[in-house]
Protein backbone atom coordinates (compact mmCIF):
# COMPACT_ATOMS: atom_id res chain seq x y z
CA MET A 1 84.83 135.92 60.72
CA THR A 2 80.83 135.39 61.96
CA GLU A 3 79.37 138.38 64.21
CA GLN A 4 78.23 136.74 67.82
CA GLN A 5 74.45 136.64 68.08
CA PRO A 6 72.66 138.18 70.26
CA MET A 7 71.44 136.40 73.46
CA LYS A 8 68.06 135.82 74.10
CA LYS A 9 66.19 137.97 76.43
CA SER A 10 64.40 134.61 78.32
CA VAL A 11 67.89 133.47 79.23
CA PRO A 12 68.92 135.59 82.25
CA TRP A 13 65.40 134.59 83.44
CA ILE A 14 66.22 130.91 83.21
CA PHE A 15 69.34 131.05 85.52
CA MET A 16 67.85 133.09 87.69
CA ILE A 17 65.00 130.29 88.49
CA SER A 18 67.75 128.21 88.59
CA SER A 19 70.39 130.15 91.23
CA SER A 20 66.86 130.85 93.82
CA ALA A 21 65.85 127.16 93.28
CA GLN A 22 69.60 126.11 94.16
CA SER A 23 69.31 128.23 97.47
CA PHE A 24 66.80 125.73 98.80
CA ALA A 25 69.03 122.96 98.31
CA THR A 26 72.04 124.76 100.02
CA ALA A 27 69.49 126.79 102.99
CA ILE A 28 70.17 124.09 105.95
CA THR A 29 73.66 122.50 105.19
CA SER A 30 74.94 126.54 105.37
CA THR A 31 73.55 127.73 107.86
CA TYR A 32 71.75 124.65 110.41
CA LEU A 33 74.92 121.89 109.99
CA THR A 34 76.92 122.51 112.98
CA PHE A 35 74.65 123.52 115.16
CA TYR A 36 72.87 120.10 114.18
CA MET A 37 75.74 118.29 115.13
CA THR A 38 76.39 119.02 118.30
CA ASP A 39 73.28 120.08 119.77
CA TYR A 40 70.87 117.25 117.67
CA LEU A 41 73.21 114.40 117.19
CA GLY A 42 75.26 115.75 120.68
CA ILE A 43 78.36 115.28 119.23
CA SER A 44 81.50 117.07 120.55
CA ILE A 45 82.97 120.42 119.96
CA ALA A 46 86.17 118.16 118.89
CA MET A 47 84.26 115.37 116.96
CA MET A 48 82.39 118.10 114.94
CA GLY A 49 85.52 120.23 114.08
CA ALA A 50 87.64 116.89 112.99
CA ILE A 51 84.20 115.73 110.55
CA MET A 52 84.20 119.64 109.28
CA LEU A 53 87.82 119.51 108.52
CA VAL A 54 88.30 116.29 107.08
CA SER A 55 85.33 116.46 104.99
CA ARG A 56 86.08 120.09 103.36
CA ILE A 57 89.70 118.64 102.95
CA ALA A 58 88.28 116.07 100.67
CA ASP A 59 85.14 118.88 99.74
CA TYR A 60 88.12 120.77 98.05
CA ALA A 61 89.82 117.96 96.22
CA VAL A 62 86.62 117.25 94.36
CA THR A 63 86.44 120.67 93.59
CA ILE A 64 89.40 120.89 92.07
CA VAL A 65 88.77 117.94 90.37
CA ALA A 66 85.70 118.98 89.15
CA GLY A 67 87.05 121.63 87.15
CA ALA A 68 89.41 119.68 84.73
CA ILE A 69 86.35 117.28 84.45
CA VAL A 70 83.97 119.45 83.44
CA GLN A 71 86.61 121.14 81.08
CA ASN A 72 87.08 118.31 79.16
CA THR A 73 83.63 116.70 79.17
CA ASN A 74 81.76 115.86 75.68
CA THR A 75 78.76 114.19 75.41
CA LYS A 76 77.58 113.00 72.36
CA ARG A 77 73.38 113.17 74.20
CA TRP A 78 73.74 116.49 76.35
CA GLY A 79 76.54 118.04 75.15
CA GLN A 80 79.06 119.14 77.80
CA PHE A 81 77.71 121.48 80.99
CA ARG A 82 74.33 119.53 81.14
CA PRO A 83 74.83 115.93 82.15
CA TYR A 84 75.56 117.53 85.46
CA ALA A 85 72.16 118.94 85.77
CA LEU A 86 70.74 115.43 86.40
CA LEU A 87 73.84 113.68 87.78
CA ALA A 88 74.07 115.93 90.91
CA PRO A 89 70.65 116.48 91.69
CA ILE A 90 70.79 112.36 92.64
CA ILE A 91 74.18 113.04 94.57
CA ARG A 92 72.83 115.70 96.69
CA VAL A 93 69.65 113.56 97.69
CA VAL A 94 72.16 110.82 98.79
CA GLY A 95 74.32 112.93 100.42
CA THR A 96 71.99 114.99 102.72
CA THR A 97 70.18 111.58 103.67
CA LEU A 98 73.39 110.04 105.13
CA ILE A 99 74.01 113.70 106.70
CA PHE A 100 70.46 114.22 108.24
CA SER A 101 68.80 110.64 108.28
CA GLN A 102 70.01 109.91 111.74
CA LEU A 103 70.67 106.49 111.37
CA PRO A 104 71.20 104.29 114.39
CA VAL A 105 75.05 104.76 114.97
CA THR A 106 77.76 106.96 117.20
CA GLY A 107 81.49 107.72 117.72
CA VAL A 108 84.03 107.08 114.40
CA LEU A 109 80.71 105.31 112.27
CA GLN A 110 78.38 108.28 112.54
CA ALA A 111 81.42 110.79 112.16
CA ILE A 112 82.03 109.07 108.85
CA ILE A 113 78.27 108.69 107.88
CA VAL A 114 78.25 112.37 108.33
CA GLY A 115 81.17 113.50 107.28
CA SER A 116 80.84 111.16 103.54
CA GLY A 117 77.39 112.73 103.47
CA TYR A 118 78.82 116.67 103.61
CA ILE A 119 80.83 115.60 100.57
CA LEU A 120 78.46 114.34 98.42
CA ALA A 121 75.89 117.09 98.98
CA ALA A 122 78.70 119.86 98.96
CA GLY A 123 80.77 118.04 96.14
CA ALA A 124 76.55 118.28 93.82
CA ILE A 125 76.44 121.38 94.08
CA THR A 126 79.84 122.27 92.85
CA PHE A 127 79.15 120.54 89.85
CA VAL A 128 75.95 122.51 89.29
CA THR A 129 77.28 125.78 89.66
CA LEU A 130 80.12 124.78 87.19
CA MET A 131 77.42 123.57 84.97
CA ARG A 132 75.86 127.03 85.09
CA ASN A 133 78.67 128.32 84.72
CA GLY A 134 79.73 127.22 81.75
CA LEU A 135 75.85 127.12 80.15
CA MET A 136 76.73 130.98 80.74
CA THR A 137 79.50 131.09 79.03
CA ASN A 138 78.60 129.49 75.61
CA THR A 139 75.35 131.72 76.32
CA ALA A 140 76.74 134.95 76.23
CA GLY A 141 79.91 133.62 74.28
CA SER A 142 82.43 136.94 74.57
CA ASN A 143 79.63 139.71 75.10
CA ILE A 144 80.29 141.15 78.54
CA GLU A 145 76.98 142.59 78.57
CA ASP A 146 75.38 139.38 78.12
CA ARG A 147 77.22 137.60 80.68
CA ILE A 148 75.95 140.34 83.43
CA ALA A 149 72.89 140.18 82.61
CA ILE A 150 72.75 136.33 83.42
CA THR A 151 75.17 137.15 86.62
CA SER A 152 73.62 139.84 88.09
CA LYS A 153 70.04 137.80 87.55
CA SER A 154 71.53 134.64 89.02
CA ALA A 155 72.38 136.71 92.21
CA GLN A 156 68.87 138.47 92.08
CA GLY A 157 67.53 134.99 92.10
CA SER A 158 69.99 133.61 94.94
CA ARG A 159 68.14 136.16 97.01
CA VAL A 160 64.76 135.23 96.13
CA GLY A 161 65.94 132.44 97.80
CA GLY A 162 67.42 132.90 100.29
CA VAL A 163 64.59 135.68 101.57
CA ILE A 164 61.49 132.11 101.69
CA THR A 165 63.90 130.01 102.96
CA ALA A 166 64.87 132.36 105.41
CA VAL A 167 61.79 132.74 106.51
CA ALA A 168 60.29 129.11 106.32
CA THR A 169 63.53 127.18 107.29
CA ALA A 170 63.61 127.85 111.18
CA PRO A 171 59.79 128.36 112.06
CA ILE A 172 59.48 124.89 110.30
CA ILE A 173 61.86 122.82 111.77
CA LYS A 174 61.16 123.99 114.95
CA VAL A 175 57.57 123.03 114.43
CA LEU A 176 58.50 119.10 113.45
CA LEU A 177 60.80 118.81 115.86
CA ASP A 178 57.98 119.98 118.28
CA ARG A 179 56.36 117.42 117.17
CA GLY A 180 59.33 114.69 117.72
CA LEU A 181 59.66 114.57 113.49
CA ASN A 182 63.16 114.77 112.42
CA GLY A 183 62.46 118.48 111.15
CA TYR A 184 66.30 118.75 109.31
CA PHE A 185 65.90 115.38 107.45
CA ILE A 186 62.33 116.62 106.29
CA LEU A 187 62.25 119.76 105.32
CA THR A 188 66.16 118.94 103.01
CA MET A 189 64.16 116.25 101.46
CA VAL A 190 61.69 118.84 100.67
CA TYR A 191 64.33 121.52 99.64
CA ASN A 192 66.07 118.97 97.62
CA VAL A 193 62.53 118.30 95.54
CA LEU A 194 61.78 122.28 95.28
CA TRP A 195 65.50 122.36 94.16
CA ILE A 196 66.11 119.19 91.14
CA ILE A 197 62.73 120.51 89.37
CA PRO A 198 64.18 123.73 88.00
CA SER A 199 67.69 122.06 87.80
CA LEU A 200 65.87 119.94 84.92
CA TYR A 201 64.03 123.11 83.40
CA LEU A 202 67.76 124.48 82.95
CA PHE A 203 68.62 121.38 81.33
CA PHE A 204 66.06 120.90 78.68
CA ALA A 205 65.98 125.29 78.17
CA THR A 206 69.96 125.41 77.47
CA LYS A 207 69.57 122.70 74.70
CA GLU A 208 70.24 124.72 71.99
CA TYR A 209 73.48 126.66 73.71
CA ASP A 210 75.07 123.17 74.77
CA SER A 211 75.60 119.98 72.07
CA TYR A 212 78.27 117.55 71.19
CA LYS A 213 81.52 119.12 69.16
CA ALA A 214 82.34 116.30 66.43
CA ASP A 215 85.99 118.89 66.42
CA PHE A 216 85.94 119.27 70.34
CA LYS A 217 89.36 117.35 70.83
CA LYS A 218 91.03 119.41 67.99
CA THR A 219 89.47 123.01 68.63
CA ALA A 220 89.50 121.94 72.56
CA ARG A 221 93.08 124.22 73.65
CA SER A 222 92.71 122.36 77.15
CA SER A 223 91.73 118.46 75.66
CA ASN A 224 95.78 117.92 76.13
CA ILE A 225 96.22 119.90 79.36
CA ASN A 226 95.85 117.52 82.48
CA ILE A 227 94.75 118.88 85.52
CA PHE A 228 98.51 119.46 86.82
CA GLN A 229 99.78 121.29 83.58
CA MET A 230 95.94 123.24 83.76
CA TYR A 231 97.20 123.99 87.56
CA LEU A 232 100.65 124.76 86.25
CA GLU A 233 99.47 127.55 83.85
CA THR A 234 96.77 129.19 86.78
CA LEU A 235 99.62 129.78 88.33
CA LYS A 236 101.74 132.15 86.35
CA ASN A 237 98.41 134.15 85.69
CA GLY A 238 99.32 137.18 88.52
CA PRO A 239 95.34 138.54 88.64
CA PHE A 240 94.04 134.58 89.49
CA LEU A 241 96.41 134.95 92.38
CA ALA A 242 95.26 137.99 93.91
CA LEU A 243 91.62 137.09 93.20
CA PHE A 244 92.43 133.62 94.69
CA LEU A 245 93.81 135.30 97.79
CA ALA A 246 91.41 138.12 98.42
CA GLY A 247 88.72 135.53 98.15
CA PHE A 248 90.40 133.11 100.30
CA VAL A 249 91.08 135.53 103.04
CA SER A 250 87.95 136.68 103.04
CA SER A 251 86.36 133.37 102.82
CA VAL A 252 88.14 132.00 105.88
CA CYS A 253 87.06 134.67 108.22
CA ASN A 254 83.23 135.42 107.36
CA THR A 255 83.07 131.18 107.15
CA SER A 256 84.66 130.72 110.61
CA VAL A 257 81.88 132.82 111.66
CA SER A 258 78.85 132.51 109.84
CA PHE A 259 77.98 129.04 110.79
CA LEU A 260 77.75 130.69 114.26
CA ASN A 261 75.08 132.28 113.61
CA THR A 262 72.25 130.48 115.38
CA TYR A 263 74.83 130.05 118.67
CA TYR A 264 74.86 133.71 118.83
CA PHE A 265 70.81 133.84 118.43
CA ILE A 266 70.31 130.49 121.13
CA TYR A 267 73.26 131.97 123.50
CA SER A 268 73.32 136.16 122.99
CA LEU A 269 70.23 136.70 122.45
CA GLU A 270 68.34 133.55 124.00
CA ASP A 271 65.45 133.58 121.07
CA MET A 272 66.11 131.97 118.58
CA ASN A 273 62.42 132.90 117.06
CA LEU A 274 64.63 135.97 116.33
CA LEU A 275 67.01 134.00 113.69
CA ALA A 276 64.08 133.56 111.42
CA VAL A 277 63.31 137.35 112.42
CA SER A 278 66.74 138.87 111.39
CA SER A 279 67.54 135.96 108.44
CA THR A 280 64.25 137.49 106.60
CA ILE A 281 64.93 141.11 106.85
CA ALA A 282 68.45 140.91 106.11
CA MET A 283 67.34 138.41 103.02
CA PHE A 284 64.42 140.36 102.18
CA VAL A 285 67.20 143.81 102.03
CA SER A 286 69.94 142.17 100.01
CA LEU A 287 67.05 140.76 97.30
CA VAL A 288 66.05 144.65 96.92
CA SER A 289 69.06 146.03 96.40
CA SER A 290 70.38 143.09 94.42
CA PHE A 291 67.76 144.68 92.04
CA ILE A 292 68.29 148.42 92.63
CA VAL A 293 72.39 147.71 92.77
CA THR A 294 73.27 146.96 89.34
CA PRO A 295 73.57 150.25 87.73
CA VAL A 296 76.12 150.85 91.45
CA SER A 297 78.13 147.86 90.25
CA ARG A 298 78.27 148.90 86.58
CA LYS A 299 79.45 151.98 86.90
CA LEU A 300 82.32 151.18 89.60
CA GLY A 301 82.74 148.47 87.55
CA LYS A 302 84.49 144.95 89.02
CA ARG A 303 87.18 145.63 90.75
CA SER A 304 86.16 149.24 92.57
CA SER A 305 83.07 146.94 92.90
CA ALA A 306 85.11 144.40 95.23
CA VAL A 307 87.31 147.25 96.75
CA VAL A 308 84.42 149.09 97.97
CA SER A 309 82.34 146.43 99.16
CA ALA A 310 85.15 144.75 101.05
CA PHE A 311 86.22 147.65 103.10
CA VAL A 312 82.63 148.99 103.79
CA VAL A 313 81.88 145.72 105.13
CA SER A 314 85.09 145.47 107.53
CA ILE A 315 84.14 148.48 108.77
CA VAL A 316 80.60 147.44 109.62
CA ASN A 317 81.94 144.50 111.51
CA VAL A 318 84.12 146.47 113.90
CA PHE A 319 80.23 148.03 114.78
CA VAL A 320 79.52 144.19 114.96
CA ALA A 321 81.99 143.44 117.65
CA LEU A 322 81.50 146.01 119.85
CA PHE A 323 77.62 146.75 120.50
CA THR A 324 75.54 143.82 119.05
CA ASP A 325 76.16 141.57 122.09
CA GLY A 326 72.32 140.86 123.49
CA ASN A 327 70.96 143.65 121.22
CA PHE A 328 68.77 142.65 118.59
CA ILE A 329 68.12 145.97 117.10
CA MET A 330 71.96 147.21 116.42
CA LYS A 331 72.51 143.15 114.78
CA VAL A 332 69.16 143.65 112.26
CA VAL A 333 70.79 147.32 111.41
CA LEU A 334 74.44 146.04 110.68
CA THR A 335 72.87 142.80 108.82
CA THR A 336 71.01 145.36 106.37
CA ILE A 337 74.15 147.74 105.81
CA THR A 338 76.00 144.43 105.15
CA SER A 339 73.55 143.23 102.96
CA ILE A 340 73.02 146.09 100.90
CA VAL A 341 77.10 146.86 100.26
CA SER A 342 77.65 143.20 99.79
CA ALA A 343 74.70 143.24 97.15
CA ILE A 344 77.01 145.31 94.96
CA PRO A 345 79.98 142.76 93.82
CA MET A 346 77.38 139.90 93.80
CA ALA A 347 76.08 141.51 90.31
CA TRP A 348 79.27 140.59 88.67
CA GLY A 349 79.17 136.96 90.06
CA VAL A 350 82.18 134.65 88.34
CA ASN A 351 82.71 137.26 86.34
CA MET A 352 85.65 138.23 87.43
CA TYR A 353 87.18 134.38 88.02
CA LEU A 354 86.32 134.51 83.91
CA ASP A 355 87.92 137.55 83.04
CA THR A 356 91.45 136.41 84.96
CA ALA A 357 90.53 133.16 82.50
CA GLU A 358 90.62 134.87 79.59
CA TYR A 359 93.22 136.76 80.12
CA GLN A 360 95.36 133.68 80.76
CA GLN A 361 93.98 132.53 77.26
CA TYR A 362 94.63 135.69 75.68
CA LYS A 363 98.52 134.90 76.89
CA THR A 364 98.60 131.37 76.33
CA GLY A 365 96.65 130.68 73.80
CA LYS A 366 95.07 127.97 76.34
CA ASP A 367 91.52 127.27 77.20
CA THR A 368 90.78 126.76 81.14
CA ARG A 369 88.38 128.57 81.87
CA GLN A 370 85.68 126.03 83.25
CA PHE A 371 88.64 124.82 85.11
CA VAL A 372 89.34 128.52 86.30
CA MET A 373 85.77 129.07 87.21
CA SER A 374 85.62 126.24 89.04
CA MET A 375 88.37 127.28 91.96
CA GLN A 376 85.80 130.58 92.73
CA ASN A 377 84.12 127.60 94.58
CA GLY A 378 87.46 126.38 95.71
CA VAL A 379 88.38 129.01 97.40
CA SER A 380 85.56 129.16 99.37
CA ARG A 381 86.17 125.14 100.13
CA LEU A 382 89.90 126.07 101.01
CA GLY A 383 88.64 129.03 103.13
CA MET A 384 86.52 126.63 105.24
CA ILE A 385 89.15 123.85 105.60
CA VAL A 386 91.25 127.17 107.37
CA SER A 387 88.08 128.12 109.04
CA THR A 388 87.35 124.85 110.66
CA PRO A 389 89.69 125.24 113.63
CA ILE A 390 88.71 129.23 114.12
CA THR A 391 85.57 128.24 114.30
CA THR A 392 86.16 125.46 117.31
CA TYR A 393 88.59 127.83 118.71
CA ILE A 394 86.00 130.30 119.29
CA LEU A 395 83.33 128.33 120.81
CA ALA A 396 85.93 126.84 123.32
CA ALA A 397 87.41 130.57 124.10
CA SER A 398 83.09 131.72 124.60
CA GLY A 399 82.71 128.65 127.59
CA TYR A 400 80.36 126.49 125.13
CA ASP A 401 79.59 123.43 126.28
CA GLU A 402 78.07 120.58 124.32
CA ILE A 403 76.61 118.34 126.78
CA ALA A 404 74.87 121.21 129.13
CA ARG A 405 74.24 123.14 125.71
CA ILE A 406 75.23 126.30 127.99
CA MET A 407 77.58 128.95 126.62
CA ALA A 408 79.78 131.26 129.58
CA SER A 409 80.95 134.20 127.85
CA PRO A 410 78.64 135.37 125.07
CA GLY A 411 80.20 138.33 125.04
CA THR A 412 83.28 136.95 123.82
CA MET A 413 81.80 135.72 121.19
CA VAL A 414 80.72 138.47 119.56
CA LYS A 415 83.45 140.36 119.75
CA LEU A 416 85.52 137.70 117.72
CA ILE A 417 82.23 137.22 115.27
CA GLY A 418 82.71 140.61 115.00
CA PHE A 419 86.54 141.80 115.04
CA ILE A 420 87.65 138.35 112.38
CA PRO A 421 86.04 138.86 109.60
CA ALA A 422 87.02 143.18 109.87
CA VAL A 423 90.31 142.10 109.65
CA GLY A 424 89.82 139.91 106.49
CA SER A 425 87.66 142.21 104.60
CA LEU A 426 89.91 145.11 105.14
CA VAL A 427 92.82 142.45 103.96
CA SER A 428 91.14 141.65 100.82
CA ALA A 429 89.96 145.42 99.96
CA LEU A 430 93.63 145.99 100.37
CA ILE A 431 94.57 143.03 97.45
CA TYR A 432 92.01 144.23 95.03
CA ALA A 433 93.34 148.04 95.47
CA PHE A 434 97.18 147.37 94.60
CA PHE A 435 97.22 144.02 93.01
CA TYR A 436 93.88 142.55 90.76
CA LYS A 437 94.67 145.07 87.40
CA ILE A 438 92.00 143.54 85.18
CA THR A 439 90.06 146.35 83.87
CA ASP A 440 86.34 145.77 82.12
CA ALA A 441 87.51 147.28 79.25
CA GLN A 442 90.87 144.57 79.05
CA ALA A 443 88.48 142.10 79.36
CA GLN A 444 85.95 142.79 76.78
CA GLU A 445 89.18 142.49 74.56
CA TYR A 446 90.36 139.45 75.99
CA ALA A 447 87.04 137.83 75.58
CA GLU A 448 86.30 139.16 71.97
CA HIS A 449 90.05 138.24 70.28
CA ASN A 450 89.65 134.21 72.11
CA ARG A 451 85.87 134.07 70.44
CA LYS A 452 87.84 134.90 67.02
CA ALA A 453 91.08 132.40 67.69
CA ALA A 454 88.17 129.68 68.41
CA GLU A 455 86.37 130.34 65.48
CA GLU A 456 89.35 130.54 63.06
CA LYS A 457 90.37 127.09 65.04
CA SER A 458 87.05 125.10 64.78
CA ALA A 459 87.18 126.49 60.40
CA LEU A 460 90.60 125.07 60.37
CA ALA A 461 89.38 121.78 62.29
CA THR A 462 86.83 121.71 59.53
CA GLN A 463 88.72 121.99 56.35
CA GLY A 464 90.91 119.69 57.56
């Protein structure tokens, strides 16, 4: 039995650069998409809701299939994960082009084009995320500390990219629009380029950790498991179900209101320029927090980090509902608190899902880690599906008229975008506290056991 080799100190920084670049790729679609459709393309609220609902259902299906595909990939030239660093950017460019190029079409055809673009763009990010998670497991192996080193740096990188895009995105789009140009399309393409270059760097820099495995079919315990069987195995995993449910509730409530941020600054504060100021402050605080809260995260552990963060965010959102209508200072203060507290569990990244996968492999002997980790994306995608009608309801309840571009009751919108995530975060905190049972010590035990079992099987396969 061989001892695991230590990870190179440069590796977490490589992942940090990649995560930072991905923030550029998703900056506009994650924040401005619904506003772009209603206020720039003139799509009705009902049509926008239909587009997002259908697209998100399709995107969720892609996420599920992606986990199984990546789980069983083994190319001779590029290994298991790195092929997606080359393929996904191409798909992302095609998708965002369909969304933002403003083709001269309207009605159902316009909805099909924008929706198809969203599915392609989001699907590309799903595959890249799975690629990075897979490379993390290959690189860090069973060493939990190495896994945390990579995911914490990845979280920091995401914040670095978030700060830059928060500062730059809204002002640049406005300048381009004022000059009669399609600012959304132009800046999206620039951001895509800034994402692709670091993706290629990750592709080449991690070559030694992701190579072709001649004995893949003999040693990969998932190789004879189809996607349906993967689902059945995962549905027997109690810790995973608790984690998934907590994430789903939180995702539904938070996603329902996240796309309304632009509407808040235009119709409650009546100044879109403040969006850039608020976003910059929030992302800067989040960036600083990601560097300073890691010791707190380690001290609390994964489960306690999730519980504390969700509970505090729930309280903060109650204050959002009560005190931020037309009050920019209060909005900034509460957003800052949320950014600090949310950074605590972010250091763990995908590790909680990976822990449940290690537990499942420990119990069953079947390696479905990539599939289980894909469910972190899956829970957010499923949350987006359920949140779509909630977002539409909030706009309708607030008296939003996309034709006249007015909102009759911004105060109603503010209350809903506060109370809805407050409830979601509280429910999530309770689920983490009472139903997620894997400790950090147990996670290390499962990972080490699975590593040794895999080495033994590989040795037997080689002898055979």
